[in-house]
């Protein structure tokens, strides 16, 4: 999202987040994972994915937020977070692609849960040109229904296309609005927030953002279930959130892309083939390659069965289609003679080289000393908590290991089928 610094405002949303969401534990927990950015490039607010980092962002017009009463500020925040929870940003586009009717449909699906909490310009089922639309339907349902809604069709046909409003089937780059703090939405059909950036991000970055969001929603739901409560989130929405967490198992390929990209570091070297922009033809340029040095430690202790070991190697054969990584066999120690680089495209059969007790400190020390960027441990989780890792660490285990781990950790634990 492009910033426009020609106008100024003292309003800082970050200073108001706690007071706005102190009685909304679910949204407060989700909010902690989302960057907030003030900008006058949009008239109101919106959410999207940063194309460079793969993180979600909430961008807002300070003048717009400053003019709202507190209850509507909270309502707008919840509206934007619902776009993320319902995956409007990371998927679920109609066959025709991102267009104005889909934008309105997603707002109608969300605003059913926010009646009386939003600016009057919003799309609301049962009101205005949407008087024939019932509440609490999905975005897909509203999208189809709007095709047959004469009031909506007449309203949209009689209005000029707004700034930044994408053509049919296009994501649109968007344009900088006037930024006067007045709810506009660009359509005149009650859509008050900005969706322009939804079509600007490539599929891989969306997949990474989606995996991050799953983890954030899962953590927020756990906090709410453990006693903080869910605030105003309805039973229907809670059920949908839980179903999404259960019925959408993590895709191995997406997990790997997510882990590799978030572990990546720059490898810079001088080269005369690249022109130095500051001192052309005087000094060599700098070429930057993005790569990730990933270690995968395989628990080969006696508690890990042959079936589980076979399952681990089967999954690694799949991962090797996507990337190169270093395999580190261990039980209570690392068998350094058997450490090897698993080349991209290779397949390997199961091999048990150790069978002692388990100690997670051994592979962690090995990875720390050899300066890896990311560390994945395939294990049954039956050992004490290890020392801290100097790089990003992730655990992969079977369903039993994930349900009954020997220790608690805030690091990611992924269940695989063995």
Protein backbone atom coordinates (compact mmCIF):
# COMPACT_ATOMS: atom_id res chain seq x y z
CA UNK A 1 0.00 0.00 0.00
CA UNK A 2 1.47 3.33 -1.08
CA UNK A 3 1.75 5.99 1.61
CA UNK A 4 0.85 9.61 0.97
CA UNK A 5 2.57 11.99 3.38
CA UNK A 6 1.14 15.25 2.06
CA UNK A 7 -1.47 15.28 4.82
CA UNK A 8 -0.88 14.77 8.52
CA UNK A 9 -2.89 13.54 11.48
CA UNK A 10 -1.99 12.93 15.10
CA UNK A 11 -4.26 9.89 15.33
CA UNK A 12 -2.29 6.66 15.98
CA UNK A 13 -4.46 3.55 15.88
CA UNK A 14 -1.87 1.52 17.79
CA UNK A 15 -2.44 3.71 20.86
CA UNK A 16 -6.16 2.90 20.80
CA UNK A 17 -6.09 -0.83 20.02
CA UNK A 18 -6.06 -2.00 23.65
CA UNK A 19 -8.98 0.14 24.78
CA UNK A 20 -10.96 -0.70 21.65
CA UNK A 21 -10.50 -4.47 21.91
CA UNK A 22 -10.16 -5.07 25.66
CA UNK A 23 -13.59 -6.76 25.68
CA UNK A 24 -12.90 -8.66 22.43
CA UNK A 25 -10.26 -11.30 23.33
CA UNK A 26 -10.39 -13.09 19.98
CA UNK A 27 -9.90 -9.98 17.88
CA UNK A 28 -7.31 -8.61 20.33
CA UNK A 29 -5.23 -11.79 19.99
CA UNK A 30 -5.55 -11.72 16.20
CA UNK A 31 -4.66 -8.02 16.11
CA UNK A 32 -1.25 -8.69 17.66
CA UNK A 33 -0.18 -10.58 14.52
CA UNK A 34 -1.18 -7.84 12.06
CA UNK A 35 0.86 -4.76 11.21
CA UNK A 36 -1.02 -1.43 11.26
CA UNK A 37 -0.04 1.30 8.85
CA UNK A 38 -1.38 4.85 8.65
CA UNK A 39 -1.83 6.10 5.08
CA UNK A 40 -3.80 8.73 3.20
CA UNK A 41 -3.72 6.60 0.04
CA UNK A 42 -7.11 5.12 0.97
CA UNK A 43 -10.18 7.05 2.11
CA UNK A 44 -11.10 4.68 4.95
CA UNK A 45 -9.36 1.38 5.79
CA UNK A 46 -8.49 -2.04 4.41
CA UNK A 47 -6.48 -5.22 4.89
CA UNK A 48 -4.04 -6.90 2.56
CA UNK A 49 -0.79 -8.86 2.28
CA UNK A 50 2.60 -7.20 2.05
CA UNK A 51 4.02 -8.48 -1.25
CA UNK A 52 7.60 -8.41 0.07
CA UNK A 53 7.17 -10.03 3.48
CA UNK A 54 4.03 -12.17 3.23
CA UNK A 55 2.62 -10.59 6.39
CA UNK A 56 -0.87 -9.20 6.75
CA UNK A 57 -1.31 -5.45 7.08
CA UNK A 58 -4.17 -3.27 8.20
CA UNK A 59 -3.91 0.14 6.58
CA UNK A 60 -6.09 3.00 7.71
CA UNK A 61 -6.74 6.65 7.00
CA UNK A 62 -6.02 8.49 10.31
CA UNK A 63 -8.53 11.26 9.54
CA UNK A 64 -11.27 8.70 8.89
CA UNK A 65 -10.62 6.85 12.15
CA UNK A 66 -10.26 10.04 14.16
CA UNK A 67 -13.73 11.18 13.06
CA UNK A 68 -15.43 7.93 14.11
CA UNK A 69 -17.00 7.33 17.54
CA UNK A 70 -15.26 4.60 19.55
CA UNK A 71 -17.91 1.93 18.92
CA UNK A 72 -17.61 2.40 15.15
CA UNK A 73 -13.80 2.31 15.32
CA UNK A 74 -14.11 -1.06 17.00
CA UNK A 75 -16.68 -2.17 14.42
CA UNK A 76 -14.40 -1.23 11.52
CA UNK A 77 -11.49 -3.13 13.08
CA UNK A 78 -13.65 -6.23 13.53
CA UNK A 79 -14.90 -5.87 9.95
CA UNK A 80 -11.32 -5.90 8.63
CA UNK A 81 -10.30 -8.84 10.82
CA UNK A 82 -13.35 -10.80 9.66
CA UNK A 83 -12.08 -10.40 6.08
CA UNK A 84 -8.98 -12.32 7.19
CA UNK A 85 -10.82 -14.95 9.24
CA UNK A 86 -13.20 -15.72 6.36
CA UNK A 87 -10.25 -15.92 3.93
CA UNK A 88 -11.53 -13.17 1.63
CA UNK A 89 -7.96 -11.90 1.20
CA UNK A 90 -6.19 -15.23 0.64
CA UNK A 91 -8.68 -17.07 -1.54
CA UNK A 92 -12.36 -17.80 -2.19
CA UNK A 93 -12.51 -15.60 -5.30
CA UNK A 94 -15.32 -16.29 -7.80
CA UNK A 95 -14.49 -17.68 -11.25
CA UNK A 96 -14.69 -14.17 -12.72
CA UNK A 97 -11.98 -12.95 -10.35
CA UNK A 98 -11.95 -9.94 -8.04
CA UNK A 99 -14.69 -7.45 -8.96
CA UNK A 100 -17.04 -4.96 -7.33
CA UNK A 101 -19.89 -7.42 -6.85
CA UNK A 102 -17.59 -9.81 -4.98
CA UNK A 103 -16.35 -6.95 -2.81
CA UNK A 104 -19.93 -6.10 -1.85
CA UNK A 105 -20.78 -9.77 -1.26
CA UNK A 106 -17.90 -10.22 1.20
CA UNK A 107 -18.98 -7.09 3.09
CA UNK A 108 -22.57 -8.31 3.32
CA UNK A 109 -21.38 -11.65 4.76
CA UNK A 110 -19.31 -9.87 7.41
CA UNK A 111 -21.66 -7.05 8.30
CA UNK A 112 -24.43 -9.47 9.19
CA UNK A 113 -22.41 -9.97 12.39
CA UNK A 114 -21.82 -6.25 12.97
CA UNK A 115 -25.26 -4.65 12.83
CA UNK A 116 -25.27 -1.27 14.60
CA UNK A 117 -21.46 -1.21 14.93
CA UNK A 118 -20.43 0.35 11.60
CA UNK A 119 -20.64 3.70 9.77
CA UNK A 120 -24.00 4.25 8.07
CA UNK A 121 -22.41 3.98 4.61
CA UNK A 122 -21.69 0.25 4.98
CA UNK A 123 -23.40 -2.61 3.14
CA UNK A 124 -25.97 -4.10 5.50
CA UNK A 125 -28.38 -6.95 4.67
CA UNK A 126 -31.98 -5.84 5.00
CA UNK A 127 -31.20 -2.14 4.59
CA UNK A 128 -31.20 0.35 1.70
CA UNK A 129 -30.56 -1.21 -1.69
CA UNK A 130 -29.91 -4.50 0.12
CA UNK A 131 -33.37 -4.62 1.70
CA UNK A 132 -34.13 -7.89 -0.12
CA UNK A 133 -30.95 -9.58 1.12
CA UNK A 134 -31.29 -11.75 4.28
CA UNK A 135 -28.61 -11.78 6.95
CA UNK A 136 -26.02 -14.43 7.84
CA UNK A 137 -25.29 -15.89 4.40
CA UNK A 138 -21.90 -16.65 2.86
CA UNK A 139 -20.10 -14.32 0.46
CA UNK A 140 -20.70 -16.87 -2.33
CA UNK A 141 -24.44 -16.85 -1.59
CA UNK A 142 -24.64 -13.05 -1.71
CA UNK A 143 -22.55 -12.94 -4.89
CA UNK A 144 -25.08 -15.14 -6.70
CA UNK A 145 -28.07 -13.40 -5.12
CA UNK A 146 -26.91 -9.94 -6.24
CA UNK A 147 -27.17 -11.09 -9.87
CA UNK A 148 -30.93 -11.35 -9.34
CA UNK A 149 -31.33 -8.29 -7.09
CA UNK A 150 -33.00 -5.57 -9.18
CA UNK A 151 -32.36 -2.81 -6.61
CA UNK A 152 -28.65 -3.54 -6.52
CA UNK A 153 -28.33 -3.89 -10.30
CA UNK A 154 -30.18 -0.61 -10.91
CA UNK A 155 -28.04 1.19 -8.32
CA UNK A 156 -24.74 -0.02 -9.78
CA UNK A 157 -25.76 0.64 -13.40
CA UNK A 158 -26.66 4.25 -12.63
CA UNK A 159 -23.40 5.09 -10.86
CA UNK A 160 -20.06 6.03 -12.44
CA UNK A 161 -17.15 3.70 -11.72
CA UNK A 162 -15.29 4.95 -8.67
CA UNK A 163 -11.60 5.57 -8.29
CA UNK A 164 -9.64 2.42 -7.66
CA UNK A 165 -12.66 0.22 -8.41
CA UNK A 166 -11.42 -2.77 -10.42
CA UNK A 167 -12.88 -3.73 -13.75
CA UNK A 168 -14.70 -7.04 -13.95
CA UNK A 169 -12.25 -9.87 -13.36
CA UNK A 170 -9.33 -7.62 -12.39
CA UNK A 171 -7.58 -7.09 -9.09
CA UNK A 172 -6.76 -3.49 -9.88
CA UNK A 173 -3.78 -1.52 -8.71
CA UNK A 174 -5.94 1.07 -6.96
CA UNK A 175 -5.41 4.80 -6.92
CA UNK A 176 -4.75 7.27 -4.19
CA UNK A 177 -8.00 8.70 -2.88
CA UNK A 178 -8.66 12.21 -1.73
CA UNK A 179 -8.14 11.08 1.85
CA UNK A 180 -10.46 13.62 3.46
CA UNK A 181 -11.58 11.12 6.07
CA UNK A 182 -15.10 10.72 4.65
CA UNK A 183 -16.36 7.18 4.07
CA UNK A 184 -16.51 6.75 0.32
CA UNK A 185 -15.71 3.15 -0.65
CA UNK A 186 -15.53 4.11 -4.30
CA UNK A 187 -18.79 2.43 -5.29
CA UNK A 188 -21.77 4.25 -3.82
CA UNK A 189 -23.25 0.85 -2.93
CA UNK A 190 -22.36 0.86 0.74
CA UNK A 191 -18.86 -0.67 0.52
CA UNK A 192 -16.92 1.64 2.82
CA UNK A 193 -13.50 -0.08 2.99
CA UNK A 194 -10.78 -0.75 0.43
CA UNK A 195 -10.24 -4.16 -1.23
CA UNK A 196 -8.01 -3.09 -4.11
CA UNK A 197 -4.85 -4.87 -2.93
CA UNK A 198 -6.45 -8.32 -2.73
CA UNK A 199 -5.60 -9.09 -6.35
CA UNK A 200 -2.02 -7.78 -6.27
CA UNK A 201 -0.24 -10.67 -4.50
CA UNK A 202 1.15 -13.81 -6.12
CA UNK A 203 -0.12 -17.27 -5.16
CA UNK A 204 3.00 -18.33 -3.26
CA UNK A 205 2.96 -15.24 -1.03
CA UNK A 206 -0.76 -15.79 -0.39
CA UNK A 207 -0.05 -19.39 0.64
CA UNK A 208 2.60 -18.22 3.09
CA UNK A 209 0.25 -15.58 4.52
CA UNK A 210 -2.53 -18.15 4.78
CA UNK A 211 -0.36 -20.53 6.80
CA UNK A 212 0.60 -17.70 9.12
CA UNK A 213 -3.03 -16.76 9.53
CA UNK A 214 -4.00 -20.34 10.41
CA UNK A 215 -1.44 -20.31 13.20
CA UNK A 216 -2.64 -16.90 14.45
CA UNK A 217 -6.32 -17.94 14.44
CA UNK A 218 -5.48 -21.25 16.12
CA UNK A 219 -3.55 -19.46 18.88
CA UNK A 220 -6.29 -16.85 19.34
CA UNK A 221 -8.98 -19.55 19.55
CA UNK A 222 -6.93 -21.46 22.13
CA UNK A 223 -6.53 -18.35 24.30
CA UNK A 224 -10.29 -17.76 24.17
CA UNK A 225 -11.13 -21.38 25.02
CA UNK A 226 -8.75 -21.37 27.97
CA UNK A 227 -10.79 -18.81 29.86
CA UNK A 228 -10.60 -15.39 28.26
CA UNK A 229 -13.86 -15.87 26.36
CA UNK A 230 -14.67 -14.94 22.75
CA UNK A 231 -16.28 -11.54 23.25
CA UNK A 232 -19.03 -10.84 20.70
CA UNK A 233 -18.02 -13.64 18.30
CA UNK A 234 -21.21 -15.62 17.70
CA UNK A 235 -21.60 -19.37 18.16
CA UNK A 236 -21.98 -19.77 14.40
CA UNK A 237 -18.70 -17.97 13.68
CA UNK A 238 -16.90 -19.86 16.44
CA UNK A 239 -18.08 -23.12 14.90
CA UNK A 240 -16.91 -22.05 11.45
CA UNK A 241 -13.50 -21.05 12.82
CA UNK A 242 -13.08 -24.41 14.55
CA UNK A 243 -14.21 -26.29 11.44
CA UNK A 244 -11.65 -24.41 9.33
CA UNK A 245 -8.88 -25.34 11.75
CA UNK A 246 -9.90 -29.02 11.73
CA UNK A 247 -10.96 -29.56 8.12
CA UNK A 248 -8.08 -27.68 6.50
CA UNK A 249 -4.97 -29.78 7.24
CA UNK A 250 -1.68 -28.11 6.52
CA UNK A 251 -0.36 -28.82 3.05
CA UNK A 252 3.23 -30.10 3.17
CA UNK A 253 4.28 -28.06 0.17
CA UNK A 254 2.83 -24.88 1.63
CA UNK A 255 4.46 -25.59 4.99
CA UNK A 256 7.83 -26.02 3.32
CA UNK A 257 7.48 -22.85 1.25
CA UNK A 258 6.40 -20.98 4.36
CA UNK A 259 9.29 -22.30 6.45
CA UNK A 260 11.96 -21.83 3.78
CA UNK A 261 10.88 -18.29 2.89
CA UNK A 262 10.72 -17.18 6.52
CA UNK A 263 14.15 -18.75 7.19
CA UNK A 264 15.80 -17.21 4.13
CA UNK A 265 18.91 -15.06 4.40
CA UNK A 266 20.81 -13.01 1.88
CA UNK A 267 23.95 -14.43 0.31
CA UNK A 268 25.84 -11.47 -1.19
CA UNK A 269 28.95 -11.61 -3.34
CA UNK A 270 30.84 -9.25 -5.60
CA UNK A 271 30.63 -9.73 -9.34
CA UNK A 272 31.91 -7.73 -12.30
CA UNK A 273 28.89 -8.95 -14.29
CA UNK A 274 26.59 -6.70 -12.28
CA UNK A 275 27.10 -2.94 -12.61
CA UNK A 276 27.58 -1.03 -9.37
CA UNK A 277 24.84 1.63 -9.36
CA UNK A 278 26.82 4.07 -7.21
CA UNK A 279 30.24 3.57 -8.86
CA UNK A 280 29.55 2.16 -12.35
CA UNK A 281 32.55 0.46 -14.00
CA UNK A 282 34.75 1.45 -11.03
CA UNK A 283 33.75 -1.12 -8.41
CA UNK A 284 32.07 -4.49 -8.99
CA UNK A 285 28.39 -4.80 -8.26
CA UNK A 286 26.84 -6.91 -5.53
CA UNK A 287 24.76 -9.90 -6.48
CA UNK A 288 22.24 -11.13 -3.93
CA UNK A 289 20.95 -14.68 -3.98
CA UNK A 290 18.13 -15.63 -1.69
CA UNK A 291 18.59 -19.08 -0.17
CA UNK A 292 17.79 -20.97 2.99
CA UNK A 293 20.08 -23.51 4.63
CA UNK A 294 17.63 -25.96 6.19
CA UNK A 295 18.45 -28.85 8.54
CA UNK A 296 16.01 -31.73 9.07
CA UNK A 297 16.86 -33.80 12.15
CA UNK A 298 15.38 -37.31 12.18
CA UNK A 299 14.76 -38.96 15.54
CA UNK A 300 15.98 -42.57 15.28
CA UNK A 301 15.68 -43.48 18.94
CA UNK A 302 14.18 -46.72 20.17
CA UNK A 303 10.83 -45.08 20.88
CA UNK A 304 10.39 -44.27 17.18
CA UNK A 305 8.91 -47.29 15.41
CA UNK A 306 9.97 -48.54 11.98
CA UNK A 307 6.54 -47.51 10.67
CA UNK A 308 7.00 -43.95 11.88
CA UNK A 309 10.54 -43.85 10.46
CA UNK A 310 9.24 -45.06 7.09
CA UNK A 311 6.60 -42.34 7.24
CA UNK A 312 9.25 -39.71 7.88
CA UNK A 313 11.30 -40.78 4.87
CA UNK A 314 8.21 -40.92 2.67
CA UNK A 315 7.43 -37.32 3.54
CA UNK A 316 11.06 -36.27 2.98
CA UNK A 317 10.96 -37.79 -0.51
CA UNK A 318 8.04 -35.45 -1.20
CA UNK A 319 9.83 -32.45 0.30
CA UNK A 320 12.90 -33.18 -1.82
CA UNK A 321 10.83 -32.42 -4.93
CA UNK A 322 10.81 -28.81 -3.77
CA UNK A 323 14.11 -28.06 -2.06
CA UNK A 324 17.54 -29.23 -0.93
CA UNK A 325 18.15 -29.82 2.77
CA UNK A 326 20.61 -31.43 5.19
CA UNK A 327 19.54 -34.59 7.04
CA UNK A 328 20.81 -34.96 10.62
CA UNK A 329 20.19 -38.43 12.18
CA UNK A 330 20.14 -38.46 15.99
CA UNK A 331 19.01 -40.25 19.14
CA UNK A 332 20.83 -39.05 22.30
CA UNK A 333 23.62 -37.82 20.03
CA UNK A 334 24.11 -36.80 16.40
CA UNK A 335 25.61 -39.47 14.15
CA UNK A 336 27.81 -37.03 12.21
CA UNK A 337 29.17 -39.72 9.87
CA UNK A 338 25.64 -40.16 8.51
CA UNK A 339 24.78 -36.47 8.09
CA UNK A 340 24.17 -35.83 4.39
CA UNK A 341 22.71 -33.28 1.97
CA UNK A 342 19.48 -34.49 0.40
CA UNK A 343 19.65 -33.04 -3.09
CA UNK A 344 16.56 -31.67 -4.75
CA UNK A 345 14.86 -34.40 -6.78
CA UNK A 346 16.58 -37.30 -5.02
CA UNK A 347 14.75 -40.18 -3.33
CA UNK A 348 16.11 -42.18 -0.41
CA UNK A 349 14.97 -45.30 1.45
CA UNK A 350 14.49 -45.54 5.19
CA UNK A 351 17.70 -46.20 7.11
CA UNK A 352 17.97 -46.70 10.88
CA UNK A 353 21.48 -45.83 12.00
CA UNK A 354 20.83 -45.30 15.73
CA UNK A 355 18.57 -46.80 18.40
CA UNK A 356 19.37 -45.25 21.76
CA UNK A 357 17.48 -42.81 23.96
CA UNK A 358 16.33 -39.39 22.78
CA UNK A 359 17.94 -36.02 23.49
CA UNK A 360 16.82 -32.97 21.52
CA UNK A 361 19.83 -30.96 22.75
CA UNK A 362 22.13 -32.97 20.47
CA UNK A 363 20.61 -31.95 17.11
CA UNK A 364 19.95 -28.42 18.37
CA UNK A 365 23.62 -27.93 19.32
CA UNK A 366 24.71 -29.36 15.96
CA UNK A 367 22.43 -26.99 14.03
CA UNK A 368 23.43 -24.01 16.17
CA UNK A 369 27.13 -24.68 15.61
CA UNK A 370 26.76 -25.12 11.84
CA UNK A 371 24.76 -21.91 11.40
CA UNK A 372 21.65 -23.22 9.69
CA UNK A 373 18.77 -20.83 8.89
CA UNK A 374 15.95 -23.21 9.78
CA UNK A 375 15.60 -26.48 11.71
CA UNK A 376 12.86 -29.10 11.35
CA UNK A 377 12.82 -32.01 13.84
CA UNK A 378 10.92 -35.17 12.92
CA UNK A 379 10.22 -37.00 16.18
CA UNK A 380 7.70 -38.70 18.46
CA UNK A 381 8.18 -35.81 20.97
CA UNK A 382 9.19 -38.22 23.79
CA UNK A 383 12.09 -36.34 25.40
CA UNK A 384 12.66 -33.29 27.63
CA UNK A 385 12.51 -29.75 26.24
CA UNK A 386 15.77 -28.83 24.50
CA UNK A 387 17.99 -25.78 24.70
CA UNK A 388 17.08 -22.69 22.68
CA UNK A 389 17.60 -22.73 18.94
CA UNK A 390 19.54 -19.95 17.23
CA UNK A 391 17.38 -20.32 14.12
CA UNK A 392 13.70 -20.89 13.45
CA UNK A 393 12.73 -24.37 14.67
CA UNK A 394 9.67 -26.45 13.81
CA UNK A 395 8.53 -29.88 15.04
CA UNK A 396 6.88 -32.58 12.94
CA UNK A 397 5.33 -35.61 14.56
CA UNK A 398 2.39 -38.01 14.41
CA UNK A 399 -1.02 -37.26 15.89
CA UNK A 400 -0.21 -38.99 19.18
CA UNK A 401 3.03 -37.06 19.61
CA UNK A 402 1.24 -33.75 18.93
CA UNK A 403 -1.59 -34.58 21.34
CA UNK A 404 0.67 -35.80 24.18
CA UNK A 405 4.06 -34.06 23.85
CA UNK A 406 6.61 -34.61 26.63
CA UNK A 407 7.10 -30.85 26.94
CA UNK A 408 5.28 -27.62 26.11
CA UNK A 409 6.54 -25.30 23.42
CA UNK A 410 5.41 -22.18 21.60
CA UNK A 411 7.20 -23.38 18.48
CA UNK A 412 5.13 -24.75 15.61
CA UNK A 413 4.19 -28.46 15.81
CA UNK A 414 2.92 -30.02 12.57
CA UNK A 415 1.05 -33.31 12.46
CA UNK A 416 1.99 -35.67 9.61
CA UNK A 417 0.45 -38.97 8.60
CA UNK A 418 2.74 -41.92 9.27
